[in-house]
Amino acid sequence: WPEDATELSVCSVEHFIIGSRSYIIELYRVDRCQRQLGRVQGVPQPDIWYARRDSERHTMGPRIPVA
């Protein structure tokens, strides 16, 4: 996973709602576990990432390591 996510092209953009706040998620890639990895647009912390699996709810958390 590149340290600078801007090196990656955006595959798609989705809206992500937490409570009453709406975020724009830039999805970059799907890893081998079928998670979509991306970053939150407009959030300055570079280690906040987004992951989604079809069998899971949307989650946000620290950077997800990808082997």
C-alpha atoms as a PDB file:
ATOM      1  CA  TRP A   1       0.000   0.000   0.000  1.00  0.00           C
ATOM      2  CA  PRO A   2       1.662   3.257  -1.057  1.00  0.00           C
ATOM      3  CA  GLU A   3       2.285   5.768   1.701  1.00  0.00           C
ATOM      4  CA  ASP A   4       0.916   8.463  -0.555  1.00  0.00           C
ATOM      5  CA  ALA A   5      -2.509   7.390  -1.709  1.00  0.00           C
ATOM      6  CA  THR A   6      -2.520  10.088  -4.353  1.00  0.00           C
ATOM      7  CA  GLU A   7      -0.233   7.809  -6.341  1.00  0.00           C
ATOM      8  CA  LEU A   8      -3.246   5.584  -6.955  1.00  0.00           C
ATOM      9  CA  SER A   9      -6.058   6.279  -9.349  1.00  0.00           C
ATOM     10  CA  VAL A  10      -9.570   6.544  -7.985  1.00  0.00           C
ATOM     11  CA  CYS A  11     -11.678   3.575  -8.997  1.00  0.00           C
ATOM     12  CA  SER A  12     -14.958   4.999  -7.765  1.00  0.00           C
ATOM     13  CA  VAL A  13     -16.418   7.448  -5.276  1.00  0.00           C
ATOM     14  CA  GLU A  14     -19.139   6.664  -2.746  1.00  0.00           C
ATOM     15  CA  HIS A  15     -21.017   8.525  -0.060  1.00  0.00           C
ATOM     16  CA  PHE A  16     -20.560   7.173   3.449  1.00  0.00           C
ATOM     17  CA  ILE A  17     -22.847   8.302   6.260  1.00  0.00           C
ATOM     18  CA  ILE A  18     -21.877   8.169   9.930  1.00  0.00           C
ATOM     19  CA  GLY A  19     -24.648   9.468  12.118  1.00  0.00           C
ATOM     20  CA  SER A  20     -25.765  12.724  10.565  1.00  0.00           C
ATOM     21  CA  ARG A  21     -22.454  13.377   8.821  1.00  0.00           C
ATOM     22  CA  SER A  22     -21.799  12.465   5.227  1.00  0.00           C
ATOM     23  CA  TYR A  23     -18.353  11.665   3.896  1.00  0.00           C
ATOM     24  CA  ILE A  24     -17.130  11.117   0.376  1.00  0.00           C
ATOM     25  CA  ILE A  25     -15.055   7.985   0.042  1.00  0.00           C
ATOM     26  CA  GLU A  26     -12.526   7.598  -2.750  1.00  0.00           C
ATOM     27  CA  LEU A  27     -12.146   3.890  -3.423  1.00  0.00           C
ATOM     28  CA  TYR A  28      -8.810   2.835  -4.868  1.00  0.00           C
ATOM     29  CA  ARG A  29      -8.543  -0.922  -4.984  1.00  0.00           C
ATOM     30  CA  VAL A  30      -9.981  -4.223  -3.898  1.00  0.00           C
ATOM     31  CA  ASP A  31      -7.605  -6.398  -1.923  1.00  0.00           C
ATOM     32  CA  ARG A  32      -7.395 -10.171  -1.911  1.00  0.00           C
ATOM     33  CA  CYS A  33      -9.969 -10.325   0.887  1.00  0.00           C
ATOM     34  CA  GLN A  34     -12.423  -8.487  -1.386  1.00  0.00           C
ATOM     35  CA  ARG A  35     -12.338  -5.344   0.706  1.00  0.00           C
ATOM     36  CA  GLN A  36     -12.568  -2.055  -1.079  1.00  0.00           C
ATOM     37  CA  LEU A  37      -9.849   0.197   0.232  1.00  0.00           C
ATOM     38  CA  GLY A  38      -9.865   3.935  -0.012  1.00  0.00           C
ATOM     39  CA  ARG A  39      -9.653   7.147   1.908  1.00  0.00           C
ATOM     40  CA  VAL A  40     -12.086   9.714   3.200  1.00  0.00           C
ATOM     41  CA  GLN A  41     -12.142  12.814   1.050  1.00  0.00           C
ATOM     42  CA  GLY A  42     -11.564  15.974   3.073  1.00  0.00           C
ATOM     43  CA  VAL A  43     -10.213  14.183   6.133  1.00  0.00           C
ATOM     44  CA  PRO A  44      -6.633  15.312   6.799  1.00  0.00           C
ATOM     45  CA  GLN A  45      -5.457  12.225   8.673  1.00  0.00           C
ATOM     46  CA  PRO A  46      -3.674  10.019   6.130  1.00  0.00           C
ATOM     47  CA  ASP A  47      -4.197   6.880   8.218  1.00  0.00           C
ATOM     48  CA  ILE A  48      -7.990   6.853   8.155  1.00  0.00           C
ATOM     49  CA  TRP A  49      -9.204   4.351   5.637  1.00  0.00           C
ATOM     50  CA  TYR A  50     -12.413   2.732   4.561  1.00  0.00           C
ATOM     51  CA  ALA A  51     -13.065  -0.953   4.017  1.00  0.00           C
ATOM     52  CA  ARG A  52     -16.098  -2.774   2.819  1.00  0.00           C
ATOM     53  CA  ARG A  53     -16.965  -6.388   2.281  1.00  0.00           C
ATOM     54  CA  ASP A  54     -20.293  -7.529   0.933  1.00  0.00           C
ATOM     55  CA  SER A  55     -20.844  -9.473   4.148  1.00  0.00           C
ATOM     56  CA  GLU A  56     -19.959  -6.568   6.453  1.00  0.00           C
ATOM     57  CA  ARG A  57     -21.288  -3.161   7.250  1.00  0.00           C
ATOM     58  CA  HIS A  58     -19.329  -0.116   6.221  1.00  0.00           C
ATOM     59  CA  THR A  59     -16.501   0.508   8.633  1.00  0.00           C
ATOM     60  CA  MET A  60     -13.916   3.182   9.148  1.00  0.00           C
ATOM     61  CA  GLY A  61     -10.760   2.793  11.123  1.00  0.00           C
ATOM     62  CA  PRO A  62      -6.980   2.938  11.078  1.00  0.00           C
ATOM     63  CA  ARG A  63      -5.129   2.063   7.925  1.00  0.00           C
ATOM     64  CA  ILE A  64      -5.695  -1.520   6.920  1.00  0.00           C
ATOM     65  CA  PRO A  65      -2.473  -3.385   6.181  1.00  0.00           C
ATOM     66  CA  VAL A  66      -2.457  -5.129   2.825  1.00  0.00           C
ATOM     67  CA  ALA A  67       0.136  -7.823   2.375  1.00  0.00           C
END
